[in-house]
């Protein structure tokens, strides 16, 4: 699923490691999500949306 995680993370000045720690998942999971090789769980998606102050629909674009 296409997403804006990398873009929003960089705008916030966060590394993958820092984002992973805040969200409570591994850096490898963040990397896989950013490369669109893995879709996060719904609770993780909600945490990301809250952190980036946006909606889940704005974070993840379904084709």
Protein backbone atom coordinates (compact mmCIF):
# COMPACT_ATOMS: atom_id res chain seq x y z
CA UNK A 1 0.00 0.00 0.00
CA UNK A 2 1.37 3.39 -0.95
CA UNK A 3 2.08 5.67 1.98
CA UNK A 4 3.59 9.00 3.05
CA UNK A 5 5.49 7.70 6.09
CA UNK A 6 9.01 8.44 4.81
CA UNK A 7 8.04 11.95 3.72
CA UNK A 8 6.36 12.81 7.02
CA UNK A 9 9.15 11.23 9.08
CA UNK A 10 11.77 13.31 7.30
CA UNK A 11 9.69 16.49 7.70
CA UNK A 12 9.73 15.84 11.44
CA UNK A 13 13.49 15.23 11.40
CA UNK A 14 13.12 11.69 12.73
CA UNK A 15 15.27 8.70 11.88
CA UNK A 16 13.66 5.32 11.26
CA UNK A 17 15.03 4.22 14.63
CA UNK A 18 13.47 7.20 16.44
CA UNK A 19 10.09 6.69 14.76
CA UNK A 20 10.19 2.99 15.57
CA UNK A 21 10.87 3.71 19.24
CA UNK A 22 8.02 6.25 19.45
CA UNK A 23 5.54 3.91 17.74
CA UNK A 24 6.74 0.77 19.52
CA UNK A 25 7.83 -1.33 16.55
CA UNK A 26 11.20 -2.28 15.06
CA UNK A 27 13.28 -0.11 12.75
CA UNK A 28 13.09 -2.93 10.21
CA UNK A 29 9.29 -2.71 10.28
CA UNK A 30 9.45 1.05 9.62
CA UNK A 31 11.81 0.38 6.73
CA UNK A 32 9.48 -2.25 5.26
CA UNK A 33 6.46 0.05 5.64
CA UNK A 34 8.28 2.91 3.92
CA UNK A 35 9.31 0.63 1.06
CA UNK A 36 5.69 -0.53 0.78
CA UNK A 37 6.67 -4.15 1.44
CA UNK A 38 4.63 -4.39 4.65
CA UNK A 39 1.34 -2.90 5.80
CA UNK A 40 1.20 -1.94 9.47
CA UNK A 41 -1.42 -3.22 11.88
CA UNK A 42 -4.38 -0.95 12.52
CA UNK A 43 -3.13 0.06 16.01
CA UNK A 44 0.25 1.00 14.50
CA UNK A 45 -1.42 2.98 11.72
CA UNK A 46 -3.47 4.89 14.33
CA UNK A 47 -0.30 5.68 16.32
CA UNK A 48 1.39 7.00 13.18
CA UNK A 49 -1.63 9.11 12.23
CA UNK A 50 -1.76 10.60 15.73
CA UNK A 51 1.98 11.33 15.75
CA UNK A 52 1.86 13.02 12.35
CA UNK A 53 -1.43 14.78 13.18
CA UNK A 54 -3.22 13.46 10.12
CA UNK A 55 -5.78 10.83 9.18
CA UNK A 56 -5.01 7.23 8.33
CA UNK A 57 -6.54 7.91 4.91
CA UNK A 58 -3.96 10.66 4.36
CA UNK A 59 -1.08 8.38 5.42
CA UNK A 60 -2.02 5.33 3.37
CA UNK A 61 -3.27 5.56 -0.18
CA UNK A 62 -5.18 2.52 -1.38
CA UNK A 63 -4.93 1.82 -5.10
